[in-house]
Amino acid sequence: MGVERIETGMLARSRAGHDKDKVYVISRAEDAYVWLADGRLRLLEKPKKKKKKHIQIIYTIPENLQKKLEEGKPLQNEDIKRAIKRYFHEGMRK
């Protein structure tokens, strides 16, 4: 069983801490940590640093974020808010 790679733009759900069950977008990933942003309280300018073991990775990159990343454009807080909102709306319909 291989571990999938964690990439910028993927969604992640917090599994521990005061923000448990909150959904974020990964803005950066390193060895043991990821930096998370939600576009509202946690902006890209000041992301939340969290240990990888305290999050659950949702191994998909929302379409609007994927497009920006492929074009080499920087992500913006509005893009992140829209991606998280769309994730919840699409999840409710399934």
PDB file of N, CA and C in Angstrom:
ATOM      1  N   MET A   1       0.850  -1.188   0.000  1.00  0.00           N
ATOM      2  CA  MET A   1       0.000   0.000   0.000  1.00  0.00           C
ATOM      3  C   MET A   1       0.888   1.241   0.000  1.00  0.00           C
ATOM      4  N   GLY A   2       0.859   2.006  -1.077  1.00  0.00           N
ATOM      5  CA  GLY A   2       1.692   3.190  -1.185  1.00  0.00           C
ATOM      6  C   GLY A   2       0.979   4.438  -0.686  1.00  0.00           C
ATOM      7  N   VAL A   3       1.760   5.353  -0.199  1.00  0.00           N
ATOM      8  CA  VAL A   3       1.213   6.620   0.259  1.00  0.00           C
ATOM      9  C   VAL A   3       1.142   7.556  -0.934  1.00  0.00           C
ATOM     10  N   GLU A   4      -0.021   8.140  -1.136  1.00  0.00           N
ATOM     11  CA  GLU A   4      -0.160   9.071  -2.255  1.00  0.00           C
ATOM     12  C   GLU A   4       0.508  10.386  -1.909  1.00  0.00           C
ATOM     13  N   ARG A   5       0.932  11.077  -2.929  1.00  0.00           N
ATOM     14  CA  ARG A   5       1.630  12.341  -2.760  1.00  0.00           C
ATOM     15  C   ARG A   5       0.659  13.456  -2.385  1.00  0.00           C
ATOM     16  N   ILE A   6       1.062  14.279  -1.458  1.00  0.00           N
ATOM     17  CA  ILE A   6       0.257  15.429  -1.051  1.00  0.00           C
ATOM     18  C   ILE A   6       0.695  16.614  -1.894  1.00  0.00           C
ATOM     19  N   GLU A   7      -0.270  17.273  -2.542  1.00  0.00           N
ATOM     20  CA  GLU A   7       0.044  18.370  -3.453  1.00  0.00           C
ATOM     21  C   GLU A   7      -0.695  19.640  -3.060  1.00  0.00           C
ATOM     22  N   THR A   8      -0.131  20.750  -3.465  1.00  0.00           N
ATOM     23  CA  THR A   8      -0.792  22.042  -3.284  1.00  0.00           C
ATOM     24  C   THR A   8      -2.127  22.017  -4.021  1.00  0.00           C
ATOM     25  N   GLY A   9      -3.168  22.523  -3.382  1.00  0.00           N
ATOM     26  CA  GLY A   9      -4.489  22.573  -3.993  1.00  0.00           C
ATOM     27  C   GLY A   9      -5.421  21.465  -3.531  1.00  0.00           C
ATOM     28  N   MET A  10      -4.868  20.401  -2.939  1.00  0.00           N
ATOM     29  CA  MET A  10      -5.724  19.324  -2.444  1.00  0.00           C
ATOM     30  C   MET A  10      -6.516  19.797  -1.228  1.00  0.00           C
ATOM     31  N   LEU A  11      -7.660  19.199  -1.040  1.00  0.00           N
ATOM     32  CA  LEU A  11      -8.467  19.493   0.131  1.00  0.00           C
ATOM     33  C   LEU A  11      -8.030  18.603   1.282  1.00  0.00           C
ATOM     34  N   ALA A  12      -8.206  19.093   2.501  1.00  0.00           N
ATOM     35  CA  ALA A  12      -7.863  18.325   3.691  1.00  0.00           C
ATOM     36  C   ALA A  12      -8.848  18.667   4.798  1.00  0.00           C
ATOM     37  N   ARG A  13      -9.201  17.653   5.597  1.00  0.00           N
ATOM     38  CA  ARG A  13     -10.100  17.842   6.734  1.00  0.00           C
ATOM     39  C   ARG A  13      -9.277  17.678   8.008  1.00  0.00           C
ATOM     40  N   SER A  14      -9.445  18.618   8.924  1.00  0.00           N
ATOM     41  CA  SER A  14      -8.738  18.556  10.195  1.00  0.00           C
ATOM     42  C   SER A  14      -9.315  17.425  11.046  1.00  0.00           C
ATOM     43  N   ARG A  15      -8.451  16.582  11.598  1.00  0.00           N
ATOM     44  CA  ARG A  15      -8.894  15.468  12.434  1.00  0.00           C
ATOM     45  C   ARG A  15      -8.673  15.719  13.909  1.00  0.00           C
ATOM     46  N   ALA A  16      -7.955  16.780  14.249  1.00  0.00           N
ATOM     47  CA  ALA A  16      -7.644  17.046  15.651  1.00  0.00           C
ATOM     48  C   ALA A  16      -7.523  18.553  15.880  1.00  0.00           C
ATOM     49  N   GLY A  17      -7.731  18.951  17.119  1.00  0.00           N
ATOM     50  CA  GLY A  17      -7.595  20.356  17.493  1.00  0.00           C
ATOM     51  C   GLY A  17      -8.939  21.059  17.564  1.00  0.00           C
ATOM     52  N   HIS A  18      -8.894  22.331  17.877  1.00  0.00           N
ATOM     53  CA  HIS A  18     -10.142  23.099  18.014  1.00  0.00           C
ATOM     54  C   HIS A  18     -10.870  23.263  16.680  1.00  0.00           C
ATOM     55  N   ASP A  19     -10.174  23.028  15.581  1.00  0.00           N
ATOM     56  CA  ASP A  19     -10.777  23.160  14.253  1.00  0.00           C
ATOM     57  C   ASP A  19     -11.173  21.811  13.659  1.00  0.00           C
ATOM     58  N   LYS A  20     -11.353  20.798  14.495  1.00  0.00           N
ATOM     59  CA  LYS A  20     -11.681  19.447  14.038  1.00  0.00           C
ATOM     60  C   LYS A  20     -12.856  19.470  13.055  1.00  0.00           C
ATOM     61  N   ASP A  21     -12.738  18.693  11.978  1.00  0.00           N
ATOM     62  CA  ASP A  21     -13.737  18.538  10.911  1.00  0.00           C
ATOM     63  C   ASP A  21     -13.838  19.727   9.958  1.00  0.00           C
ATOM     64  N   LYS A  22     -13.010  20.732  10.118  1.00  0.00           N
ATOM     65  CA  LYS A  22     -13.020  21.863   9.199  1.00  0.00           C
ATOM     66  C   LYS A  22     -12.231  21.496   7.939  1.00  0.00           C
ATOM     67  N   VAL A  23     -12.699  21.968   6.792  1.00  0.00           N
ATOM     68  CA  VAL A  23     -12.055  21.655   5.515  1.00  0.00           C
ATOM     69  C   VAL A  23     -11.192  22.836   5.082  1.00  0.00           C
ATOM     70  N   TYR A  24      -9.988  22.513   4.633  1.00  0.00           N
ATOM     71  CA  TYR A  24      -9.024  23.501   4.171  1.00  0.00           C
ATOM     72  C   TYR A  24      -8.489  23.092   2.806  1.00  0.00           C
ATOM     73  N   VAL A  25      -7.738  24.003   2.198  1.00  0.00           N
ATOM     74  CA  VAL A  25      -6.969  23.704   0.989  1.00  0.00           C
ATOM     75  C   VAL A  25      -5.495  23.735   1.392  1.00  0.00           C
ATOM     76  N   ILE A  26      -4.735  22.769   0.917  1.00  0.00           N
ATOM     77  CA  ILE A  26      -3.307  22.710   1.227  1.00  0.00           C
ATOM     78  C   ILE A  26      -2.587  23.749   0.381  1.00  0.00           C
ATOM     79  N   SER A  27      -1.914  24.687   1.052  1.00  0.00           N
ATOM     80  CA  SER A  27      -1.187  25.718   0.315  1.00  0.00           C
ATOM     81  C   SER A  27       0.294  25.378   0.182  1.00  0.00           C
ATOM     82  N   ARG A  28       0.779  24.474   1.050  1.00  0.00           N
ATOM     83  CA  ARG A  28       2.173  24.054   1.006  1.00  0.00           C
ATOM     84  C   ARG A  28       2.318  22.771   1.804  1.00  0.00           C
ATOM     85  N   ALA A  29       3.229  21.910   1.413  1.00  0.00           N
ATOM     86  CA  ALA A  29       3.468  20.664   2.134  1.00  0.00           C
ATOM     87  C   ALA A  29       4.959  20.395   2.236  1.00  0.00           C
ATOM     88  N   GLU A  30       5.384  19.949   3.402  1.00  0.00           N
ATOM     89  CA  GLU A  30       6.766  19.543   3.625  1.00  0.00           C
ATOM     90  C   GLU A  30       6.756  18.194   4.326  1.00  0.00           C
ATOM     91  N   ASP A  31       7.886  17.789   4.875  1.00  0.00           N
ATOM     92  CA  ASP A  31       8.027  16.452   5.456  1.00  0.00           C
ATOM     93  C   ASP A  31       6.897  16.075   6.411  1.00  0.00           C
ATOM     94  N   ALA A  32       6.814  16.713   7.553  1.00  0.00           N
ATOM     95  CA  ALA A  32       5.830  16.326   8.567  1.00  0.00           C
ATOM     96  C   ALA A  32       4.672  17.311   8.668  1.00  0.00           C
ATOM     97  N   TYR A  33       4.758  18.439   7.959  1.00  0.00           N
ATOM     98  CA  TYR A  33       3.751  19.494   8.111  1.00  0.00           C
ATOM     99  C   TYR A  33       3.106  19.880   6.788  1.00  0.00           C
ATOM    100  N   VAL A  34       1.902  20.426   6.919  1.00  0.00           N
ATOM    101  CA  VAL A  34       1.227  21.070   5.789  1.00  0.00           C
ATOM    102  C   VAL A  34       0.763  22.445   6.255  1.00  0.00           C
ATOM    103  N   TRP A  35       0.600  23.343   5.319  1.00  0.00           N
ATOM    104  CA  TRP A  35       0.074  24.667   5.603  1.00  0.00           C
ATOM    105  C   TRP A  35      -1.298  24.743   4.952  1.00  0.00           C
ATOM    106  N   LEU A  36      -2.297  25.119   5.741  1.00  0.00           N
ATOM    107  CA  LEU A  36      -3.689  25.071   5.309  1.00  0.00           C
ATOM    108  C   LEU A  36      -4.312  26.457   5.279  1.00  0.00           C
ATOM    109  N   ALA A  37      -5.154  26.680   4.291  1.00  0.00           N
ATOM    110  CA  ALA A  37      -5.874  27.950   4.172  1.00  0.00           C
ATOM    111  C   ALA A  37      -7.331  27.658   3.845  1.00  0.00           C
ATOM    112  N   ASP A  38      -8.230  28.519   4.359  1.00  0.00           N
ATOM    113  CA  ASP A  38      -9.648  28.364   4.038  1.00  0.00           C
ATOM    114  C   ASP A  38     -10.205  29.577   3.302  1.00  0.00           C
ATOM    115  N   GLY A  39      -9.380  30.604   3.121  1.00  0.00           N
ATOM    116  CA  GLY A  39      -9.810  31.786   2.374  1.00  0.00           C
ATOM    117  C   GLY A  39     -10.624  32.771   3.196  1.00  0.00           C
ATOM    118  N   ARG A  40     -10.990  32.409   4.415  1.00  0.00           N
ATOM    119  CA  ARG A  40     -11.776  33.305   5.275  1.00  0.00           C
ATOM    120  C   ARG A  40     -10.968  33.691   6.513  1.00  0.00           C
ATOM    121  N   LEU A  41     -10.870  32.767   7.463  1.00  0.00           N
ATOM    122  CA  LEU A  41     -10.121  33.040   8.690  1.00  0.00           C
ATOM    123  C   LEU A  41      -8.642  32.753   8.510  1.00  0.00           C
ATOM    124  N   ARG A  42      -8.349  31.705   7.772  1.00  0.00           N
ATOM    125  CA  ARG A  42      -6.967  31.348   7.479  1.00  0.00           C
ATOM    126  C   ARG A  42      -6.678  31.691   6.028  1.00  0.00           C
ATOM    127  N   LEU A  43      -6.074  32.842   5.846  1.00  0.00           N
ATOM    128  CA  LEU A  43      -5.791  33.331   4.503  1.00  0.00           C
ATOM    129  C   LEU A  43      -4.477  32.744   3.995  1.00  0.00           C
ATOM    130  N   LEU A  44      -4.274  32.815   2.696  1.00  0.00           N
ATOM    131  CA  LEU A  44      -3.032  32.335   2.099  1.00  0.00           C
ATOM    132  C   LEU A  44      -1.818  33.082   2.648  1.00  0.00           C
ATOM    133  N   GLU A  45      -2.023  34.320   3.065  1.00  0.00           N
ATOM    134  CA  GLU A  45      -0.931  35.118   3.602  1.00  0.00           C
ATOM    135  C   GLU A  45      -0.508  34.641   4.987  1.00  0.00           C
ATOM    136  N   LYS A  46      -1.402  33.952   5.697  1.00  0.00           N
ATOM    137  CA  LYS A  46      -1.100  33.459   7.045  1.00  0.00           C
ATOM    138  C   LYS A  46      -1.774  32.097   7.243  1.00  0.00           C
ATOM    139  N   PRO A  47      -1.266  31.066   6.566  1.00  0.00           N
ATOM    140  CA  PRO A  47      -1.895  29.748   6.655  1.00  0.00           C
ATOM    141  C   PRO A  47      -1.645  29.068   7.994  1.00  0.00           C
ATOM    142  N   LYS A  48      -2.466  28.071   8.292  1.00  0.00           N
ATOM    143  CA  LYS A  48      -2.344  27.297   9.518  1.00  0.00           C
ATOM    144  C   LYS A  48      -1.349  26.165   9.290  1.00  0.00           C
ATOM    145  N   LYS A  49      -0.381  26.041  10.180  1.00  0.00           N
ATOM    146  CA  LYS A  49       0.603  24.962  10.108  1.00  0.00           C
ATOM    147  C   LYS A  49       0.076  23.805  10.941  1.00  0.00           C
ATOM    148  N   LYS A  50       0.004  22.623  10.332  1.00  0.00           N
ATOM    149  CA  LYS A  50      -0.557  21.481  11.029  1.00  0.00           C
ATOM    150  C   LYS A  50       0.234  20.228  10.657  1.00  0.00           C
ATOM    151  N   LYS A  51       0.384  19.322  11.614  1.00  0.00           N
ATOM    152  CA  LYS A  51       1.072  18.064  11.334  1.00  0.00           C
ATOM    153  C   LYS A  51       0.212  17.217  10.416  1.00  0.00           C
ATOM    154  N   LYS A  52       0.881  16.490   9.509  1.00  0.00           N
ATOM    155  CA  LYS A  52       0.159  15.644   8.558  1.00  0.00           C
ATOM    156  C   LYS A  52      -0.687  14.591   9.254  1.00  0.00           C
ATOM    157  N   LYS A  53      -0.228  14.100  10.400  1.00  0.00           N
ATOM    158  CA  LYS A  53      -0.981  13.064  11.092  1.00  0.00           C
ATOM    159  C   LYS A  53      -2.286  13.596  11.681  1.00  0.00           C
ATOM    160  N   HIS A  54      -2.460  14.914  11.723  1.00  0.00           N
ATOM    161  CA  HIS A  54      -3.672  15.511  12.268  1.00  0.00           C
ATOM    162  C   HIS A  54      -4.676  15.939  11.202  1.00  0.00           C
ATOM    163  N   ILE A  55      -4.427  15.541   9.962  1.00  0.00           N
ATOM    164  CA  ILE A  55      -5.381  15.868   8.899  1.00  0.00           C
ATOM    165  C   ILE A  55      -5.722  14.618   8.104  1.00  0.00           C
ATOM    166  N   GLN A  56      -6.871  14.673   7.465  1.00  0.00           N
ATOM    167  CA  GLN A  56      -7.295  13.625   6.540  1.00  0.00           C
ATOM    168  C   GLN A  56      -7.277  14.249   5.147  1.00  0.00           C
ATOM    169  N   ILE A  57      -6.447  13.710   4.274  1.00  0.00           N
ATOM    170  CA  ILE A  57      -6.316  14.251   2.920  1.00  0.00           C
ATOM    171  C   ILE A  57      -7.493  13.790   2.075  1.00  0.00           C
ATOM    172  N   ILE A  58      -8.056  14.716   1.333  1.00  0.00           N
ATOM    173  CA  ILE A  58      -9.083  14.408   0.338  1.00  0.00           C
ATOM    174  C   ILE A  58      -8.341  14.498  -0.998  1.00  0.00           C
ATOM    175  N   TYR A  59      -8.001  13.336  -1.554  1.00  0.00           N
ATOM    176  CA  TYR A  59      -7.082  13.278  -2.700  1.00  0.00           C
ATOM    177  C   TYR A  59      -7.699  13.757  -4.008  1.00  0.00           C
ATOM    178  N   THR A  60      -8.275  14.937  -3.978  1.00  0.00           N
ATOM    179  CA  THR A  60      -8.750  15.574  -5.206  1.00  0.00           C
ATOM    180  C   THR A  60      -8.388  17.048  -5.144  1.00  0.00           C
ATOM    181  N   ILE A  61      -8.131  17.600  -6.297  1.00  0.00           N
ATOM    182  CA  ILE A  61      -7.898  19.039  -6.396  1.00  0.00           C
ATOM    183  C   ILE A  61      -9.113  19.612  -7.128  1.00  0.00           C
ATOM    184  N   PRO A  62      -9.830  20.548  -6.499  1.00  0.00           N
ATOM    185  CA  PRO A  62     -11.003  21.135  -7.154  1.00  0.00           C
ATOM    186  C   PRO A  62     -10.647  21.705  -8.527  1.00  0.00           C
ATOM    187  N   GLU A  63     -11.595  21.622  -9.427  1.00  0.00           N
ATOM    188  CA  GLU A  63     -11.375  21.996 -10.831  1.00  0.00           C
ATOM    189  C   GLU A  63     -10.841  23.417 -10.998  1.00  0.00           C
ATOM    190  N   ASN A  64     -11.431  24.379 -10.270  1.00  0.00           N
ATOM    191  CA  ASN A  64     -10.991  25.771 -10.435  1.00  0.00           C
ATOM    192  C   ASN A  64      -9.549  25.959  -9.944  1.00  0.00           C
ATOM    193  N   LEU A  65      -9.142  25.240  -8.901  1.00  0.00           N
ATOM    194  CA  LEU A  65      -7.771  25.346  -8.408  1.00  0.00           C
ATOM    195  C   LEU A  65      -6.802  24.634  -9.345  1.00  0.00           C
ATOM    196  N   GLN A  66      -7.219  23.480  -9.853  1.00  0.00           N
ATOM    197  CA  GLN A  66      -6.378  22.710 -10.780  1.00  0.00           C
ATOM    198  C   GLN A  66      -6.041  23.547 -12.017  1.00  0.00           C
ATOM    199  N   LYS A  67      -7.044  24.232 -12.539  1.00  0.00           N
ATOM    200  CA  LYS A  67      -6.849  25.053 -13.731  1.00  0.00           C
ATOM    201  C   LYS A  67      -5.829  26.169 -13.470  1.00  0.00           C
ATOM    202  N   LYS A  68      -5.969  26.853 -12.330  1.00  0.00           N
ATOM    203  CA  LYS A  68      -5.035  27.942 -12.002  1.00  0.00           C
ATOM    204  C   LYS A  68      -3.617  27.418 -11.813  1.00  0.00           C
ATOM    205  N   LEU A  69      -3.489  26.275 -11.139  1.00  0.00           N
ATOM    206  CA  LEU A  69      -2.165  25.708 -10.893  1.00  0.00           C
ATOM    207  C   LEU A  69      -1.506  25.277 -12.203  1.00  0.00           C
ATOM    208  N   GLU A  70      -2.288  24.685 -13.111  1.00  0.00           N
ATOM    209  CA  GLU A  70      -1.742  24.268 -14.405  1.00  0.00           C
ATOM    210  C   GLU A  70      -1.281  25.457 -15.230  1.00  0.00           C
ATOM    211  N   GLU A  71      -1.991  26.584 -15.101  1.00  0.00           N
ATOM    212  CA  GLU A  71      -1.624  27.790 -15.837  1.00  0.00           C
ATOM    213  C   GLU A  71      -0.474  28.542 -15.176  1.00  0.00           C
ATOM    214  N   GLY A  72      -0.066  28.090 -13.989  1.00  0.00           N
ATOM    215  CA  GLY A  72       1.027  28.736 -13.282  1.00  0.00           C
ATOM    216  C   GLY A  72       0.627  30.013 -12.569  1.00  0.00           C
ATOM    217  N   LYS A  73      -0.669  30.222 -12.409  1.00  0.00           N
ATOM    218  CA  LYS A  73      -1.160  31.415 -11.720  1.00  0.00           C
ATOM    219  C   LYS A  73      -1.229  31.139 -10.211  1.00  0.00           C
ATOM    220  N   PRO A  74      -0.987  32.154  -9.400  1.00  0.00           N
ATOM    221  CA  PRO A  74      -1.069  31.949  -7.949  1.00  0.00           C
ATOM    222  C   PRO A  74      -2.527  31.808  -7.497  1.00  0.00           C
ATOM    223  N   LEU A  75      -2.739  30.988  -6.475  1.00  0.00           N
ATOM    224  CA  LEU A  75      -4.075  30.848  -5.904  1.00  0.00           C
ATOM    225  C   LEU A  75      -4.409  32.096  -5.104  1.00  0.00           C
ATOM    226  N   GLN A  76      -5.694  32.402  -5.045  1.00  0.00           N
ATOM    227  CA  GLN A  76      -6.159  33.541  -4.268  1.00  0.00           C
ATOM    228  C   GLN A  76      -7.189  33.050  -3.264  1.00  0.00           C
ATOM    229  N   ASN A  77      -7.416  33.849  -2.225  1.00  0.00           N
ATOM    230  CA  ASN A  77      -8.354  33.464  -1.172  1.00  0.00           C
ATOM    231  C   ASN A  77      -9.754  33.215  -1.719  1.00  0.00           C
ATOM    232  N   GLU A  78     -10.174  34.008  -2.687  1.00  0.00           N
ATOM    233  CA  GLU A  78     -11.496  33.814  -3.304  1.00  0.00           C
ATOM    234  C   GLU A  78     -11.600  32.441  -3.972  1.00  0.00           C
ATOM    235  N   ASP A  79     -10.532  32.009  -4.625  1.00  0.00           N
ATOM    236  CA  ASP A  79     -10.522  30.696  -5.280  1.00  0.00           C
ATOM    237  C   ASP A  79     -10.702  29.585  -4.248  1.00  0.00           C
ATOM    238  N   ILE A  80     -10.037  29.733  -3.131  1.00  0.00           N
ATOM    239  CA  ILE A  80     -10.107  28.720  -2.073  1.00  0.00           C
ATOM    240  C   ILE A  80     -11.505  28.672  -1.463  1.00  0.00           C
ATOM    241  N   LYS A  81     -12.072  29.836  -1.166  1.00  0.00           N
ATOM    242  CA  LYS A  81     -13.438  29.872  -0.619  1.00  0.00           C
ATOM    243  C   LYS A  81     -14.417  29.199  -1.573  1.00  0.00           C
ATOM    244  N   ARG A  82     -14.292  29.497  -2.849  1.00  0.00           N
ATOM    245  CA  ARG A  82     -15.187  28.934  -3.860  1.00  0.00           C
ATOM    246  C   ARG A  82     -15.023  27.413  -3.943  1.00  0.00           C
ATOM    247  N   ALA A  83     -13.786  26.929  -3.879  1.00  0.00           N
ATOM    248  CA  ALA A  83     -13.522  25.492  -3.975  1.00  0.00           C
ATOM    249  C   ALA A  83     -14.111  24.737  -2.786  1.00  0.00           C
ATOM    250  N   ILE A  84     -13.961  25.286  -1.591  1.00  0.00           N
ATOM    251  CA  ILE A  84     -14.500  24.624  -0.389  1.00  0.00           C
ATOM    252  C   ILE A  84     -16.027  24.640  -0.422  1.00  0.00           C
ATOM    253  N   LYS A  85     -16.597  25.753  -0.824  1.00  0.00           N
ATOM    254  CA  LYS A  85     -18.058  25.857  -0.915  1.00  0.00           C
ATOM    255  C   LYS A  85     -18.605  24.848  -1.928  1.00  0.00           C
ATOM    256  N   ARG A  86     -17.950  24.753  -3.079  1.00  0.00           N
ATOM    257  CA  ARG A  86     -18.375  23.808  -4.115  1.00  0.00           C
ATOM    258  C   ARG A  86     -18.241  22.365  -3.624  1.00  0.00           C
ATOM    259  N   TYR A  87     -17.199  22.066  -2.867  1.00  0.00           N
ATOM    260  CA  TYR A  87     -16.996  20.718  -2.325  1.00  0.00           C
ATOM    261  C   TYR A  87     -18.184  20.317  -1.458  1.00  0.00           C
ATOM    262  N   PHE A  88     -18.650  21.214  -0.593  1.00  0.00           N
ATOM    263  CA  PHE A  88     -19.780  20.896   0.275  1.00  0.00           C
ATOM    264  C   PHE A  88     -21.083  20.791  -0.503  1.00  0.00           C
ATOM    265  N   HIS A  89     -21.305  21.665  -1.476  1.00  0.00           N
ATOM    266  CA  HIS A  89     -22.546  21.617  -2.251  1.00  0.00           C
ATOM    267  C   HIS A  89     -22.618  20.361  -3.113  1.00  0.00           C
ATOM    268  N   GLU A  90     -21.509  19.977  -3.730  1.00  0.00           N
ATOM    269  CA  GLU A  90     -21.502  18.772  -4.549  1.00  0.00           C
ATOM    270  C   GLU A  90     -21.604  17.529  -3.690  1.00  0.00           C
ATOM    271  N   GLY A  91     -21.010  17.561  -2.514  1.00  0.00           N
ATOM    272  CA  GLY A  91     -21.073  16.427  -1.591  1.00  0.00           C
ATOM    273  C   GLY A  91     -22.478  16.192  -1.073  1.00  0.00           C
ATOM    274  N   MET A  92     -23.250  17.259  -0.915  1.00  0.00           N
ATOM    275  CA  MET A  92     -24.625  17.146  -0.406  1.00  0.00           C
ATOM    276  C   MET A  92     -25.538  16.506  -1.454  1.00  0.00           C
ATOM    277  N   ARG A  93     -25.209  16.686  -2.732  1.00  0.00           N
ATOM    278  CA  ARG A  93     -26.070  16.160  -3.796  1.00  0.00           C
ATOM    279  C   ARG A  93     -25.798  14.691  -4.087  1.00  0.00           C
ATOM    280  N   LYS A  94     -24.635  14.191  -3.700  1.00  0.00           N
ATOM    281  CA  LYS A  94     -24.266  12.804  -4.020  1.00  0.00           C
ATOM    282  C   LYS A  94     -24.955  11.826  -3.093  1.00  0.00           C
TER     283      LYS A  94
END
